[in-house]
N, C-alpha and C. Protein backbone atom coordinates (compact mmCIF):
# COMPACT_ATOMS: atom_id res chain seq x y z
N MET A 1 18.50 -11.92 -119.45
CA MET A 1 17.49 -11.44 -120.34
C MET A 1 16.34 -12.40 -120.26
N GLU A 2 15.06 -11.82 -120.30
CA GLU A 2 13.94 -12.66 -120.21
C GLU A 2 13.50 -13.35 -121.47
N PHE A 3 14.09 -12.95 -122.58
CA PHE A 3 13.78 -13.56 -123.88
C PHE A 3 15.11 -13.80 -124.64
N SER A 4 15.11 -14.98 -125.28
CA SER A 4 16.34 -15.21 -126.17
C SER A 4 15.82 -15.31 -127.61
N GLU A 5 16.63 -15.08 -128.51
CA GLU A 5 16.26 -15.11 -129.92
C GLU A 5 17.27 -15.94 -130.76
N THR A 6 16.73 -16.62 -131.73
CA THR A 6 17.53 -17.45 -132.65
C THR A 6 16.88 -17.34 -134.01
N MET A 7 17.71 -17.34 -135.03
CA MET A 7 17.23 -17.40 -136.39
C MET A 7 17.20 -18.84 -136.85
N VAL A 8 16.06 -19.28 -137.38
CA VAL A 8 15.89 -20.64 -137.93
C VAL A 8 15.54 -20.35 -139.41
N GLY A 9 16.54 -20.27 -140.26
CA GLY A 9 16.33 -19.86 -141.64
C GLY A 9 15.97 -18.42 -141.62
N ASP A 10 14.77 -18.07 -142.17
CA ASP A 10 14.28 -16.69 -142.17
C ASP A 10 13.26 -16.45 -141.06
N ILE A 11 13.18 -17.38 -140.11
CA ILE A 11 12.16 -17.28 -139.08
C ILE A 11 12.90 -16.84 -137.71
N LEU A 12 12.37 -15.78 -137.13
CA LEU A 12 12.88 -15.46 -135.86
C LEU A 12 12.25 -16.17 -134.66
N LEU A 13 12.93 -17.04 -133.96
CA LEU A 13 12.42 -17.79 -132.87
C LEU A 13 12.73 -16.98 -131.60
N ILE A 14 11.68 -16.58 -130.91
CA ILE A 14 11.84 -15.91 -129.61
C ILE A 14 11.29 -16.83 -128.48
N LYS A 15 12.14 -17.06 -127.49
CA LYS A 15 11.85 -18.00 -126.40
C LYS A 15 11.76 -17.15 -125.09
N SER A 16 10.68 -17.33 -124.40
CA SER A 16 10.56 -16.76 -123.06
C SER A 16 11.40 -17.57 -122.10
N ASN A 17 12.27 -16.95 -121.42
CA ASN A 17 13.11 -17.56 -120.38
C ASN A 17 12.57 -17.37 -118.98
N THR A 18 11.28 -17.09 -118.91
CA THR A 18 10.64 -16.89 -117.60
C THR A 18 9.30 -17.65 -117.54
N ASP A 19 8.87 -17.95 -116.43
CA ASP A 19 7.54 -18.66 -116.33
C ASP A 19 6.35 -17.75 -116.27
N SER A 20 6.60 -16.44 -116.29
CA SER A 20 5.55 -15.52 -116.23
C SER A 20 5.79 -14.39 -117.32
N ALA A 21 4.73 -14.32 -118.18
CA ALA A 21 4.77 -13.21 -119.15
C ALA A 21 3.64 -12.25 -118.87
N GLY A 22 4.15 -11.06 -118.45
CA GLY A 22 3.20 -10.06 -117.98
C GLY A 22 3.67 -8.65 -118.12
N ILE A 23 3.15 -7.82 -117.29
CA ILE A 23 3.38 -6.38 -117.37
C ILE A 23 4.89 -6.10 -117.21
N SER A 24 5.61 -6.88 -116.41
CA SER A 24 7.02 -6.62 -116.14
C SER A 24 7.93 -6.84 -117.42
N ASN A 25 7.46 -7.63 -118.37
CA ASN A 25 8.30 -7.83 -119.55
C ASN A 25 7.58 -7.61 -120.87
N ALA A 26 6.37 -7.20 -120.91
CA ALA A 26 5.56 -6.99 -122.19
C ALA A 26 6.27 -5.82 -122.95
N THR A 27 6.58 -4.80 -122.37
CA THR A 27 7.12 -3.65 -123.07
C THR A 27 8.50 -4.00 -123.71
N ASP A 28 9.35 -4.76 -123.02
CA ASP A 28 10.62 -5.18 -123.61
C ASP A 28 10.46 -6.16 -124.75
N PHE A 29 9.44 -7.05 -124.61
CA PHE A 29 9.09 -7.97 -125.72
C PHE A 29 8.69 -7.19 -126.96
N LYS A 30 7.68 -6.32 -126.71
CA LYS A 30 7.15 -5.56 -127.86
C LYS A 30 8.29 -4.69 -128.58
N SER A 31 9.10 -4.05 -127.81
CA SER A 31 10.19 -3.26 -128.36
C SER A 31 11.17 -4.11 -129.18
N MET A 32 11.55 -5.23 -128.59
CA MET A 32 12.43 -6.13 -129.28
C MET A 32 11.92 -6.67 -130.63
N VAL A 33 10.59 -7.06 -130.57
CA VAL A 33 9.99 -7.59 -131.78
C VAL A 33 9.81 -6.47 -132.80
N PHE A 34 9.40 -5.29 -132.42
CA PHE A 34 9.24 -4.16 -133.35
C PHE A 34 10.56 -3.91 -134.08
N GLU A 35 11.66 -3.87 -133.33
CA GLU A 35 12.97 -3.60 -133.94
C GLU A 35 13.29 -4.63 -134.96
N ARG A 36 13.02 -5.92 -134.66
CA ARG A 36 13.28 -6.99 -135.58
C ARG A 36 12.44 -6.93 -136.87
N ILE A 37 11.20 -6.56 -136.61
CA ILE A 37 10.27 -6.47 -137.81
C ILE A 37 10.74 -5.29 -138.70
N GLU A 38 11.14 -4.23 -138.12
CA GLU A 38 11.60 -3.09 -138.82
C GLU A 38 12.91 -3.36 -139.59
N SER A 39 13.66 -4.35 -139.06
CA SER A 39 14.88 -4.74 -139.83
C SER A 39 14.67 -5.88 -140.78
N GLY A 40 13.37 -6.16 -141.05
CA GLY A 40 13.02 -7.13 -142.09
C GLY A 40 12.72 -8.58 -141.61
N LYS A 41 12.84 -8.75 -140.31
CA LYS A 41 12.52 -10.09 -139.75
C LYS A 41 11.00 -10.18 -139.38
N ASN A 42 10.18 -10.52 -140.28
CA ASN A 42 8.78 -10.41 -140.05
C ASN A 42 8.09 -11.79 -139.83
N LYS A 43 8.78 -12.90 -139.92
CA LYS A 43 8.20 -14.17 -139.54
C LYS A 43 8.72 -14.47 -138.10
N ILE A 44 7.74 -14.36 -137.20
CA ILE A 44 8.09 -14.44 -135.75
C ILE A 44 7.41 -15.70 -135.18
N LEU A 45 8.19 -16.43 -134.50
CA LEU A 45 7.73 -17.67 -133.83
C LEU A 45 7.99 -17.49 -132.33
N VAL A 46 7.01 -17.55 -131.45
CA VAL A 46 7.14 -17.29 -130.01
C VAL A 46 6.96 -18.66 -129.34
N ASP A 47 8.02 -18.98 -128.59
CA ASP A 47 8.00 -20.25 -127.75
C ASP A 47 7.61 -19.85 -126.31
N LEU A 48 6.36 -20.38 -125.98
CA LEU A 48 5.78 -20.11 -124.69
C LEU A 48 5.81 -21.35 -123.84
N SER A 49 6.66 -22.31 -124.12
CA SER A 49 6.60 -23.60 -123.43
C SER A 49 6.99 -23.50 -121.97
N ASP A 50 7.77 -22.45 -121.58
CA ASP A 50 8.09 -22.31 -120.14
C ASP A 50 7.20 -21.34 -119.37
N VAL A 51 6.23 -20.80 -120.08
CA VAL A 51 5.37 -19.77 -119.52
C VAL A 51 4.17 -20.48 -118.86
N ALA A 52 4.04 -20.30 -117.52
CA ALA A 52 2.87 -20.90 -116.79
C ALA A 52 1.82 -19.89 -116.71
N LEU A 53 2.16 -18.55 -116.63
CA LEU A 53 1.16 -17.52 -116.46
C LEU A 53 1.47 -16.41 -117.50
N LEU A 54 0.36 -16.02 -118.19
CA LEU A 54 0.42 -15.00 -119.19
C LEU A 54 -0.70 -14.00 -118.88
N ASP A 55 -0.45 -12.69 -118.77
CA ASP A 55 -1.49 -11.78 -118.38
C ASP A 55 -1.99 -10.96 -119.62
N SER A 56 -2.94 -10.14 -119.45
CA SER A 56 -3.56 -9.35 -120.51
C SER A 56 -2.57 -8.31 -121.03
N THR A 57 -1.64 -7.85 -120.31
CA THR A 57 -0.71 -6.93 -120.82
C THR A 57 0.25 -7.56 -121.87
N PHE A 58 0.69 -8.74 -121.56
CA PHE A 58 1.54 -9.48 -122.48
C PHE A 58 0.75 -9.92 -123.68
N LEU A 59 -0.48 -10.32 -123.45
CA LEU A 59 -1.40 -10.68 -124.58
C LEU A 59 -1.51 -9.47 -125.54
N GLY A 60 -1.69 -8.31 -124.93
CA GLY A 60 -1.78 -7.07 -125.78
C GLY A 60 -0.51 -6.84 -126.54
N ALA A 61 0.68 -7.17 -125.93
CA ALA A 61 1.95 -7.01 -126.68
C ALA A 61 2.03 -7.98 -127.83
N LEU A 62 1.51 -9.20 -127.65
CA LEU A 62 1.45 -10.16 -128.74
C LEU A 62 0.55 -9.66 -129.90
N VAL A 63 -0.59 -9.13 -129.55
CA VAL A 63 -1.52 -8.58 -130.49
C VAL A 63 -0.92 -7.46 -131.36
N VAL A 64 -0.25 -6.52 -130.67
CA VAL A 64 0.37 -5.39 -131.29
C VAL A 64 1.49 -5.82 -132.27
N THR A 65 2.26 -6.74 -131.82
CA THR A 65 3.37 -7.24 -132.65
C THR A 65 2.81 -7.98 -133.85
N HIS A 66 1.75 -8.70 -133.68
CA HIS A 66 1.09 -9.41 -134.78
C HIS A 66 0.62 -8.41 -135.82
N ARG A 67 -0.01 -7.36 -135.32
CA ARG A 67 -0.56 -6.27 -136.22
C ARG A 67 0.59 -5.54 -136.95
N LYS A 68 1.74 -5.51 -136.44
CA LYS A 68 2.92 -4.89 -137.07
C LYS A 68 3.46 -5.89 -138.15
N ALA A 69 3.52 -7.13 -137.83
CA ALA A 69 4.18 -8.19 -138.65
C ALA A 69 3.35 -8.44 -139.91
N VAL A 70 2.03 -8.45 -139.79
CA VAL A 70 1.20 -8.86 -140.94
C VAL A 70 1.30 -7.88 -142.16
N PRO A 71 1.21 -6.57 -141.89
CA PRO A 71 1.31 -5.67 -143.11
C PRO A 71 2.74 -5.72 -143.68
N ALA A 72 3.74 -6.20 -142.93
CA ALA A 72 5.13 -6.35 -143.42
C ALA A 72 5.30 -7.71 -144.13
N GLY A 73 4.18 -8.47 -144.34
CA GLY A 73 4.24 -9.71 -145.06
C GLY A 73 4.57 -10.89 -144.15
N GLY A 74 4.51 -10.75 -142.91
CA GLY A 74 4.82 -11.80 -141.96
C GLY A 74 3.71 -12.21 -141.06
N ALA A 75 4.03 -12.77 -139.94
CA ALA A 75 3.06 -13.25 -138.91
C ALA A 75 3.73 -13.52 -137.65
N VAL A 76 2.97 -13.48 -136.56
CA VAL A 76 3.49 -13.94 -135.25
C VAL A 76 2.68 -15.22 -135.01
N LYS A 77 3.44 -16.27 -134.78
CA LYS A 77 2.80 -17.60 -134.44
C LYS A 77 3.36 -18.09 -133.11
N LEU A 78 2.55 -18.87 -132.45
CA LEU A 78 2.89 -19.34 -131.08
C LEU A 78 3.01 -20.84 -131.06
N PHE A 79 3.90 -21.28 -130.12
CA PHE A 79 3.85 -22.75 -129.86
C PHE A 79 4.25 -23.03 -128.40
N GLY A 80 3.91 -24.20 -127.92
CA GLY A 80 4.26 -24.58 -126.57
C GLY A 80 3.39 -23.98 -125.55
N ILE A 81 2.17 -23.62 -125.90
CA ILE A 81 1.26 -23.00 -124.91
C ILE A 81 0.61 -24.04 -124.05
N ASN A 82 0.41 -23.74 -122.75
CA ASN A 82 -0.22 -24.63 -121.86
C ASN A 82 -1.69 -24.46 -121.89
N GLU A 83 -2.42 -25.26 -121.08
CA GLU A 83 -3.86 -25.18 -121.15
C GLU A 83 -4.40 -23.81 -120.68
N SER A 84 -3.85 -23.27 -119.60
CA SER A 84 -4.33 -21.96 -119.10
C SER A 84 -4.18 -20.87 -120.20
N VAL A 85 -3.13 -20.87 -120.83
CA VAL A 85 -2.84 -19.87 -121.92
C VAL A 85 -3.81 -20.14 -123.06
N ARG A 86 -3.99 -21.35 -123.40
CA ARG A 86 -4.96 -21.79 -124.51
C ARG A 86 -6.37 -21.32 -124.13
N THR A 87 -6.71 -21.45 -122.86
CA THR A 87 -8.05 -21.00 -122.38
C THR A 87 -8.17 -19.54 -122.48
N LEU A 88 -7.14 -18.79 -122.07
CA LEU A 88 -7.13 -17.30 -122.14
C LEU A 88 -7.31 -16.90 -123.62
N LEU A 89 -6.61 -17.50 -124.52
CA LEU A 89 -6.74 -17.15 -125.97
C LEU A 89 -8.18 -17.44 -126.48
N GLY A 90 -8.76 -18.47 -125.91
CA GLY A 90 -10.16 -18.81 -126.27
C GLY A 90 -11.15 -17.78 -125.72
N LEU A 91 -10.94 -17.46 -124.45
CA LEU A 91 -11.87 -16.49 -123.81
C LEU A 91 -11.79 -15.06 -124.46
N THR A 92 -10.61 -14.71 -124.91
CA THR A 92 -10.40 -13.43 -125.51
C THR A 92 -10.66 -13.41 -127.05
N LYS A 93 -11.11 -14.56 -127.55
CA LYS A 93 -11.33 -14.76 -128.97
C LYS A 93 -10.04 -14.59 -129.85
N LEU A 94 -8.89 -14.61 -129.15
CA LEU A 94 -7.61 -14.49 -129.88
C LEU A 94 -7.15 -15.74 -130.58
N GLU A 95 -7.87 -16.92 -130.30
CA GLU A 95 -7.56 -18.10 -130.96
C GLU A 95 -7.87 -17.97 -132.50
N ASN A 96 -8.68 -16.96 -132.82
CA ASN A 96 -9.05 -16.67 -134.23
C ASN A 96 -7.92 -15.74 -134.85
N VAL A 97 -7.10 -15.12 -134.08
CA VAL A 97 -6.06 -14.25 -134.56
C VAL A 97 -4.76 -14.99 -134.67
N PHE A 98 -4.38 -15.68 -133.65
CA PHE A 98 -3.08 -16.33 -133.59
C PHE A 98 -3.24 -17.78 -134.07
N VAL A 99 -2.22 -18.24 -134.81
CA VAL A 99 -2.08 -19.61 -135.14
C VAL A 99 -1.10 -20.21 -134.09
N PHE A 100 -1.52 -21.28 -133.45
CA PHE A 100 -0.57 -21.87 -132.44
C PHE A 100 -0.43 -23.32 -132.75
N TYR A 101 0.74 -23.80 -132.35
CA TYR A 101 1.14 -25.14 -132.66
C TYR A 101 1.64 -25.87 -131.43
N ASN A 102 1.69 -27.16 -131.47
CA ASN A 102 2.17 -27.95 -130.26
C ASN A 102 3.66 -27.92 -130.25
N THR A 103 4.33 -28.08 -131.44
CA THR A 103 5.76 -28.20 -131.43
C THR A 103 6.42 -27.13 -132.30
N GLN A 104 7.64 -26.90 -132.02
CA GLN A 104 8.46 -25.94 -132.84
C GLN A 104 8.50 -26.36 -134.29
N GLU A 105 8.66 -27.73 -134.51
CA GLU A 105 8.77 -28.21 -135.88
C GLU A 105 7.54 -27.94 -136.68
N GLU A 106 6.35 -28.14 -136.07
CA GLU A 106 5.16 -27.84 -136.77
C GLU A 106 5.00 -26.39 -137.11
N ALA A 107 5.37 -25.53 -136.21
CA ALA A 107 5.32 -24.10 -136.41
C ALA A 107 6.22 -23.65 -137.48
N ILE A 108 7.48 -24.13 -137.60
CA ILE A 108 8.45 -23.80 -138.53
C ILE A 108 7.91 -24.23 -139.90
N GLN A 109 7.40 -25.45 -139.98
CA GLN A 109 6.85 -25.95 -141.28
C GLN A 109 5.67 -25.10 -141.77
N SER A 110 4.95 -24.51 -140.82
CA SER A 110 3.78 -23.72 -141.23
C SER A 110 4.23 -22.48 -141.99
N PHE A 111 5.43 -21.97 -141.71
CA PHE A 111 5.97 -20.78 -142.45
C PHE A 111 6.41 -21.20 -143.83
N GLN A 112 6.71 -22.45 -144.01
CA GLN A 112 7.20 -22.95 -145.31
C GLN A 112 6.05 -23.06 -146.35
N LYS A 113 4.89 -23.17 -145.91
CA LYS A 113 3.75 -23.44 -146.79
C LYS A 113 3.25 -22.18 -147.54
């Protein structure tokens, strides 16, 4: 499986197990997260520390899942992003939509506030 999931308290931690997040796995990611949100898991933390390349299709999947989580009282937050992904978020102005953190600990603490 290209993604693994773990619960950390009431936060769903999703880790990409591939170095490329793109068209080949965006639909699976979106379906998986939608199912979890519908089952009440609306605090989503996405670990992109192993992702070297992220394309616009996967970025779109992140946006759609964020839009589903927020009305449910949750959020999608990111951590472990590299410089190229950070640049992509900046170019697409999504740095204003997503909150991203350097470490898992920082991201988990942000849900506690």
